[in-house]
Protein backbone atom coordinates (compact mmCIF):
# COMPACT_ATOMS: atom_id res chain seq x y z
CA MET A 1 63.69 112.66 -28.53
CA SER A 2 66.65 114.32 -27.49
CA THR A 3 66.73 112.17 -24.14
CA ASN A 4 67.41 108.69 -26.78
CA ILE A 5 69.70 110.12 -28.47
CA TYR A 6 72.02 111.19 -25.21
CA ARG A 7 71.71 107.51 -23.85
CA VAL A 8 72.87 106.22 -27.42
CA GLY A 9 75.28 108.03 -27.45
CA THR A 10 76.86 107.57 -23.97
CA ALA A 11 76.60 103.33 -24.78
CA ASN A 12 78.96 104.31 -28.14
CA MET A 13 81.15 105.76 -26.22
CA TYR A 14 81.15 103.36 -23.18
CA ASP A 15 81.71 100.82 -26.11
CA ASN A 16 84.65 102.71 -28.09
CA ALA A 17 86.46 103.35 -24.39
CA LEU A 18 86.14 99.63 -23.38
CA ARG A 19 87.85 99.00 -27.22
CA ASN A 20 90.68 101.10 -26.87
CA LEU A 21 90.96 99.60 -23.55
CA SER A 22 91.76 96.32 -25.15
CA ALA A 23 93.11 96.93 -27.81
CA ARG A 24 96.17 99.14 -25.54
CA GLN A 25 96.26 96.90 -23.19
CA THR A 26 96.77 93.97 -26.04
CA ASN A 27 99.73 96.26 -27.44
CA LEU A 28 100.95 96.85 -24.15
CA SER A 29 101.19 92.95 -23.73
CA ASN A 30 102.84 92.44 -26.90
CA LEU A 31 105.50 94.56 -26.02
CA GLN A 32 105.60 93.48 -23.14
CA GLU A 33 106.03 89.60 -24.88
CA ASN A 34 109.04 91.38 -27.19
CA LEU A 35 110.68 92.84 -24.78
CA THR A 36 111.30 89.55 -23.11
CA SER A 37 112.06 87.03 -25.95
CA GLY A 38 113.64 90.03 -27.46
CA LYS A 39 111.81 88.91 -30.73
CA ARG A 40 110.51 91.70 -33.26
CA VAL A 41 108.34 88.25 -34.19
CA VAL A 42 107.52 86.12 -31.60
CA ARG A 43 104.89 84.43 -33.85
CA ALA A 44 103.72 84.30 -37.83
CA SER A 45 100.72 86.19 -37.64
CA ASP A 46 103.17 88.87 -36.17
CA ASP A 47 104.55 89.60 -39.66
CA PRO A 48 104.04 86.48 -41.82
CA VAL A 49 106.74 87.77 -44.38
CA SER A 50 109.38 87.85 -41.68
CA ALA A 51 108.35 85.17 -40.01
CA ALA A 52 108.74 82.90 -43.22
CA GLN A 53 112.45 84.68 -43.44
CA ALA A 54 113.52 83.12 -39.63
CA GLU A 55 111.75 79.73 -40.36
CA ARG A 56 113.74 79.61 -43.26
CA ALA A 57 117.10 80.36 -41.45
CA LEU A 58 116.04 77.87 -38.36
CA ASN A 59 115.91 75.23 -41.13
CA ARG A 60 118.72 76.06 -42.60
CA LEU A 61 120.61 76.53 -39.04
CA SER A 62 119.08 72.69 -38.41
CA ARG A 63 120.55 71.57 -41.94
CA ILE A 64 124.66 73.00 -41.09
CA GLN A 65 124.11 70.89 -37.71
CA THR A 66 122.95 67.77 -39.38
CA GLU A 67 125.68 68.33 -41.76
CA GLN A 68 128.31 69.09 -39.07
CA ARG A 69 127.29 65.66 -36.96
CA ALA A 70 127.70 63.82 -40.47
CA LEU A 71 131.28 65.57 -40.59
CA GLU A 72 131.89 64.24 -37.08
CA THR A 73 131.47 60.47 -37.35
CA GLN A 74 133.96 61.06 -40.90
CA ARG A 75 136.29 63.23 -39.17
CA ASN A 76 136.25 60.83 -36.59
CA ALA A 77 136.36 57.61 -39.18
CA ILE A 78 139.50 58.90 -40.84
CA ALA A 79 141.61 59.87 -37.70
CA GLN A 80 141.33 56.14 -36.76
CA ALA A 81 142.29 55.18 -40.43
CA GLU A 82 145.49 57.94 -40.31
CA SER A 83 146.71 56.39 -36.93
CA ALA A 84 146.06 52.79 -38.17
CA LEU A 85 148.42 53.50 -41.36
CA GLY A 86 150.59 55.04 -38.90
CA ASP A 87 150.73 51.73 -37.19
CA ALA A 88 151.57 49.82 -39.73
CA VAL A 89 153.95 52.27 -41.17
CA GLY A 90 155.74 51.35 -37.93
CA LEU A 91 155.49 48.12 -38.02
CA VAL A 92 156.79 47.82 -41.24
CA GLN A 93 159.78 49.73 -40.28
CA ASN A 94 160.38 47.00 -37.75
CA PHE A 95 159.81 44.39 -40.11
CA ARG A 96 162.63 46.29 -42.29
CA GLN A 97 164.83 46.67 -39.31
CA LEU A 98 164.95 43.08 -38.55
CA VAL A 99 165.52 42.18 -42.43
CA VAL A 100 168.05 43.95 -42.08
CA ASN A 101 169.44 41.56 -39.52
CA ALA A 102 169.04 38.57 -41.20
CA GLY A 103 171.67 39.55 -43.94
CA ASN A 104 174.38 39.59 -41.06
CA ALA A 105 176.64 36.85 -42.92
CA THR A 106 177.29 35.38 -39.48
CA LEU A 107 174.11 34.46 -38.84
CA THR A 108 173.41 30.65 -39.27
CA GLN A 109 169.96 29.05 -40.12
CA ASN A 110 169.03 28.40 -37.23
CA ASP A 111 169.92 32.55 -36.10
CA ARG A 112 167.99 33.10 -39.49
CA ALA A 113 164.93 30.96 -38.82
CA THR A 114 164.67 32.81 -35.11
CA ILE A 115 163.95 36.52 -37.16
CA ALA A 116 161.90 34.37 -39.24
CA ASN A 117 159.26 33.84 -36.47
CA GLN A 118 159.93 37.66 -35.54
CA LEU A 119 159.04 38.42 -38.48
CA GLN A 120 155.99 36.32 -39.34
CA GLY A 121 154.27 37.95 -35.82
CA LEU A 122 154.88 41.33 -37.63
CA ARG A 123 153.73 40.77 -40.57
CA GLU A 124 150.30 39.08 -38.61
CA GLN A 125 150.17 42.38 -37.47
CA ILE A 126 150.29 44.48 -40.35
CA LEU A 127 147.49 42.15 -41.56
CA GLU A 128 145.47 42.81 -38.66
CA VAL A 129 146.24 46.63 -38.64
CA ALA A 130 145.19 46.79 -42.52
CA ASN A 131 141.64 45.21 -41.27
CA ARG A 132 140.46 47.33 -38.50
CA LYS A 133 137.18 48.74 -38.33
CA ASP A 134 135.68 51.62 -36.67
CA THR A 135 133.38 51.58 -33.67
CA ASN A 136 130.54 51.32 -36.23
CA GLY A 137 132.44 47.96 -37.39
CA VAL A 138 132.96 49.75 -40.55
CA PRO A 139 136.23 48.95 -42.11
CA LEU A 140 138.50 51.83 -41.99
CA LEU A 141 139.97 51.30 -45.30
CA GLY A 142 136.66 49.78 -46.83
CA ALA A 143 137.79 51.94 -50.12
CA LEU A 144 134.18 52.39 -51.82
CA GLY A 145 132.72 49.54 -50.10
CA SER A 146 134.15 45.91 -48.94
CA ALA A 147 133.89 42.66 -46.85
CA LEU A 148 133.98 43.00 -42.97
CA ALA A 149 137.43 42.02 -43.83
CA PRO A 150 139.29 43.99 -46.80
CA PHE A 151 142.36 42.39 -47.05
CA LEU A 152 141.83 38.03 -47.23
CA GLY A 153 145.30 35.29 -46.98
CA PRO A 154 147.23 34.34 -47.06
CA LEU A 155 144.71 32.17 -50.13
CA THR A 156 146.40 29.13 -51.91
CA SER A 157 145.72 30.59 -54.89
CA THR A 158 147.14 33.06 -57.02
CA PRO A 159 147.53 36.03 -56.55
CA ASP A 160 148.26 35.06 -52.35
CA TYR A 161 146.39 37.91 -51.01
CA ASP A 162 143.14 39.92 -52.38
CA PHE A 163 141.43 43.01 -51.28
CA ALA A 164 137.69 42.14 -51.04
CA GLY A 165 136.34 45.47 -51.98
CA LEU A 166 134.69 48.00 -54.86
CA ARG A 167 138.76 49.70 -55.25
CA GLY A 168 138.64 53.62 -55.35
CA GLN A 169 138.08 56.38 -53.43
CA THR A 170 135.25 58.65 -52.50
CA SER A 171 135.37 62.29 -53.23
CA SER A 172 134.73 65.35 -50.92
CA THR A 173 132.20 67.74 -51.36
CA GLY A 174 131.42 71.09 -49.77
CA VAL A 175 129.70 69.86 -46.40
CA THR A 176 131.65 66.26 -45.94
CA ILE A 177 134.77 64.27 -46.43
CA PRO A 178 134.71 60.60 -47.17
CA GLY A 179 134.65 58.11 -44.25
CA THR A 180 137.05 55.24 -45.54
CA LEU A 181 140.37 55.27 -46.93
CA ASP A 182 141.50 53.29 -50.73
CA GLY A 183 142.95 50.73 -48.87
CA ASP A 184 143.84 48.98 -52.08
CA SER A 185 145.74 51.69 -52.94
CA ALA A 186 147.68 51.43 -49.63
CA PHE A 187 148.91 48.16 -49.68
CA MET A 188 148.23 46.73 -52.81
CA PHE A 189 150.88 46.34 -55.68
CA ASN A 190 149.94 46.78 -59.53
CA PRO A 191 152.45 45.79 -61.99
CA GLN A 192 151.71 48.73 -64.06
CA ARG A 193 151.44 51.55 -61.70
CA ASP A 194 154.35 50.23 -58.95
CA GLY A 195 156.51 47.95 -60.97
CA VAL A 196 157.03 45.50 -57.47
CA TYR A 197 158.87 42.49 -58.80
CA ASN A 198 160.27 39.98 -56.79
CA ALA A 199 163.31 37.80 -57.69
CA ALA A 200 164.75 34.75 -56.37
CA VAL A 201 168.32 33.15 -57.30
CA SER A 202 168.36 29.29 -57.51
CA ALA A 203 170.50 27.42 -54.60
CA ILE A 204 173.92 28.29 -54.95
CA PRO A 205 176.42 26.53 -53.20
CA ASN A 206 178.85 28.13 -50.30
CA THR A 207 181.76 28.62 -52.97
CA ARG A 208 180.52 31.07 -55.21
CA GLN A 209 178.21 34.21 -54.91
CA LEU A 210 175.25 34.84 -57.34
CA THR A 211 173.06 37.52 -56.58
CA THR A 212 170.94 40.00 -58.20
CA SER A 213 169.62 43.63 -56.87
CA ALA A 214 166.81 45.18 -56.19
CA VAL A 215 164.49 44.92 -59.58
CA THR A 216 163.78 48.62 -60.35
CA PRO A 217 160.96 49.99 -62.61
CA VAL A 218 162.48 52.49 -65.17
CA ASP A 219 158.93 53.01 -67.42
CA LYS A 220 156.14 51.27 -65.72
CA THR A 221 153.58 52.07 -69.15
CA LEU A 222 155.95 48.99 -70.38
CA VAL A 223 155.84 46.85 -67.61
CA THR A 224 153.74 43.59 -68.53
CA GLY A 225 153.43 42.26 -65.34
CA ASP A 226 154.59 38.21 -66.47
CA ASN A 227 156.57 36.06 -65.20
CA TYR A 228 160.39 35.98 -66.42
CA THR A 229 163.13 33.41 -66.00
CA ILE A 230 167.44 33.95 -67.02
CA THR A 231 169.09 30.60 -67.24
CA PHE A 232 172.86 30.44 -67.46
CA SER A 233 174.54 28.24 -69.88
CA ALA A 234 177.70 27.72 -71.99
CA VAL A 235 179.73 28.97 -68.71
CA ALA A 236 183.33 28.02 -69.54
CA PRO A 237 187.05 29.58 -70.00
CA GLY A 238 186.72 32.97 -72.10
CA ALA A 239 189.10 33.21 -74.90
CA THR A 240 191.99 34.73 -73.34
CA PRO A 241 193.87 32.72 -70.05
CA GLY A 242 192.03 33.92 -66.64
CA THR A 243 189.19 34.82 -68.13
CA SER A 244 185.39 33.03 -68.36
CA THR A 245 182.11 33.70 -70.63
CA ALA A 246 179.00 32.55 -70.29
CA THR A 247 175.36 32.67 -72.02
CA TYR A 248 171.76 33.42 -70.79
CA THR A 249 168.46 33.17 -72.05
CA LEU A 250 165.36 35.02 -70.45
CA THR A 251 162.15 33.39 -70.86
CA ASN A 252 158.76 34.98 -70.36
CA THR A 253 156.99 32.17 -68.77
CA THR A 254 153.67 33.84 -68.72
CA THR A 255 153.69 33.63 -72.82
CA GLY A 256 156.39 31.04 -73.25
CA VAL A 257 158.75 32.90 -75.34
CA ALA A 258 162.25 33.01 -75.28
CA SER A 259 164.87 35.98 -76.13
CA PRO A 260 167.93 34.90 -78.53
CA ALA A 261 170.61 33.71 -75.91
CA VAL A 262 172.65 36.61 -75.04
CA THR A 263 177.18 35.44 -74.72
CA VAL A 264 178.65 37.57 -71.90
CA PRO A 265 182.18 38.87 -73.00
CA ASP A 266 185.36 37.08 -71.39
CA TYR A 267 185.23 38.69 -67.76
CA PRO A 268 188.07 38.21 -65.16
CA SER A 269 187.74 34.14 -63.59
CA ASP A 270 188.83 35.73 -60.20
CA LYS A 271 186.59 38.67 -59.95
CA PRO A 272 182.39 38.52 -59.98
CA LEU A 273 180.86 39.63 -63.32
CA THR A 274 178.11 41.98 -63.35
CA ILE A 275 175.50 42.19 -66.02
CA ALA A 276 173.34 45.38 -65.98
CA MET A 277 169.97 43.86 -66.88
CA SER A 278 167.66 46.16 -69.41
CA ASP A 279 166.06 43.04 -71.77
CA ILE A 280 162.84 43.02 -69.38
CA PRO A 281 160.48 45.68 -70.32
CA GLY A 282 160.52 48.85 -68.69
CA LEU A 283 162.51 46.78 -65.66
CA SER A 284 166.29 47.33 -64.63
CA PHE A 285 168.31 45.08 -62.15
CA ASN A 286 171.67 44.24 -61.63
CA ILE A 287 173.15 40.54 -61.46
CA THR A 288 176.53 40.21 -59.65
CA GLY A 289 178.46 36.93 -58.97
CA ASN A 290 179.96 33.78 -61.05
CA PRO A 291 176.95 31.76 -62.35
CA ALA A 292 177.33 28.19 -63.78
CA ASN A 293 175.50 26.27 -65.62
CA GLY A 294 172.45 25.65 -65.11
CA ASP A 295 171.70 28.64 -62.36
CA THR A 296 168.27 30.45 -63.32
CA ILE A 297 166.84 33.52 -61.72
CA THR A 298 163.03 33.85 -61.48
CA LEU A 299 161.31 37.24 -61.60
CA GLN A 300 157.82 37.30 -60.59
CA PRO A 301 155.35 40.59 -59.70
CA SER A 302 154.55 41.01 -55.97
CA PRO A 303 150.63 41.50 -55.85
CA SER A 304 150.62 43.32 -52.72
CA MET A 305 152.60 44.51 -48.92
CA PHE A 306 151.52 41.56 -47.59
CA SER A 307 153.07 39.09 -50.27
CA THR A 308 156.61 40.82 -50.40
CA LEU A 309 156.16 40.10 -46.80
CA ASP A 310 156.03 36.76 -46.42
CA SER A 311 158.20 36.61 -49.67
CA ALA A 312 160.93 37.70 -47.27
CA ILE A 313 159.71 35.54 -44.62
CA ARG A 314 159.69 32.58 -46.82
CA ASP A 315 163.14 32.90 -48.54
CA ILE A 316 165.19 34.04 -45.09
CA ARG A 317 163.40 31.16 -42.84
CA SER A 318 165.07 29.05 -45.97
CA ALA A 319 167.99 30.54 -47.21
CA PRO A 320 170.80 27.70 -46.67
CA ASN A 321 173.19 30.29 -46.67
CA SER A 322 174.64 33.88 -46.74
CA ASN A 323 174.00 34.00 -50.49
CA ALA A 324 170.57 33.40 -50.21
CA ALA A 325 170.14 35.24 -47.30
CA ILE A 326 171.42 38.26 -48.72
CA GLN A 327 169.52 37.72 -51.86
CA ALA A 328 166.15 37.41 -49.79
CA VAL A 329 167.14 40.75 -47.89
CA GLY A 330 168.43 43.06 -50.89
CA GLN A 331 164.55 41.95 -52.46
CA ALA A 332 162.93 42.51 -49.77
CA LEU A 333 164.42 46.22 -48.63
CA GLY A 334 163.66 47.06 -52.28
CA ASN A 335 160.31 46.23 -52.31
CA MET A 336 159.16 46.94 -48.97
CA ASP A 337 160.40 50.48 -49.91
CA ILE A 338 158.11 50.94 -52.52
CA GLY A 339 155.49 49.52 -50.54
CA LEU A 340 156.22 52.14 -47.54
CA GLU A 341 155.80 54.95 -50.07
CA ARG A 342 152.58 54.21 -50.75
CA LEU A 343 151.56 54.02 -47.04
CA HIS A 344 152.90 57.77 -46.83
CA ASN A 345 151.10 58.74 -49.43
CA MET A 346 147.78 57.39 -48.05
CA ARG A 347 149.05 58.98 -44.96
CA GLY A 348 149.35 62.07 -45.99
CA TYR A 349 145.98 61.79 -48.25
CA ALA A 350 144.21 61.32 -44.67
CA GLY A 351 145.63 64.05 -43.32
CA GLU A 352 144.57 66.70 -45.72
CA LEU A 353 141.18 65.02 -45.41
CA LEU A 354 141.32 66.20 -41.58
CA ASN A 355 142.36 69.71 -42.59
CA ARG A 356 139.82 70.14 -44.84
CA ALA A 357 137.46 68.60 -42.54
CA ASP A 358 138.04 71.65 -40.17
CA ARG A 359 138.19 74.03 -42.98
CA ILE A 360 134.37 73.11 -43.85
CA THR A 361 133.65 73.53 -39.52
CA GLY A 362 134.89 77.06 -40.17
CA ASP A 363 132.61 77.53 -42.87
CA GLN A 364 129.96 76.00 -40.98
CA GLU A 365 130.73 78.27 -38.41
CA LYS A 366 130.78 81.43 -40.28
CA ARG A 367 127.27 80.48 -42.11
CA SER A 368 125.38 79.43 -38.93
CA ILE A 369 126.86 82.55 -37.34
CA GLN A 370 125.18 84.74 -40.53
CA LEU A 371 122.17 82.15 -40.63
CA GLU A 372 121.65 83.51 -36.77
CA GLY A 373 121.86 87.09 -37.81
CA ASP A 374 118.96 86.73 -40.16
CA ARG A 375 116.52 84.88 -38.33
């Protein structure tokens, strides 16, 4: 019996020794693998809780990478949109310089027609810039969604230009910025928002002058967006020798309502008359010159920057004398300044979006570092 017990004990010790050697070999192999990988948890079975935490950190890192790729696409689109707005501002400023040159009294009608041809080329370039697309074929100024060409025109209908899209601006989030800008806000005018009006004077002979200043909005909440006509009548010598008097009637041609006739006090016949017009709701401008019976001044709201440019081209090209040219130049400069202000505002907003993208990138890098440490 003792021999049998001895043999059983020897076999058990042999099995235990093999088991211990195998376990130590396994532990040694695991330690070497940990040293090589630099990780305490190499596979999920090593530590299920730690493995779950590491997997969660990896998923978050993957999400940050995806968000950053989307952000880079948006950043590139906004950078291109900002560049397009910069090109538009430069073209409008070139347009403005030519308009100023067209107001030179020494120019002939042919000279003004030549300048109008140059202005036409610039206007076509501005429209092309406004419809510019990114590398994916998406309009840079498509607002909340638009046709492939957001700005349509010139049209034969009224208004002469239209924004073929959904107006508005997409908001940013903590990890994204908009991929497009609101082109409607950049190039289109709204009477109640901008108060942009174009004043046109009827044909005035070379023997006298009658012009208006640029129409200025004084209270945009009162602007109706209607068309108006001012008609002069009863222009005759005044009660005092050497003076004249005149009467004008303001008519809202949209509603057909005419205001009571206004008689201008006697003014010197040898000096230009100046009338400060404040009878139109929300608008103000001055009339300067020597009116005659039947002279009219027509006011129409300008629906877009392109409409303002086209009006300047048309009036400068067709100006028969310096009076008409001065009137066209004065209206174009005043309205273009309002349009340039809107372009500058939208371009500044694009710059802020790019700064926001940089801040988002910095925050994402900090999150990535934290998540990598957690993992």
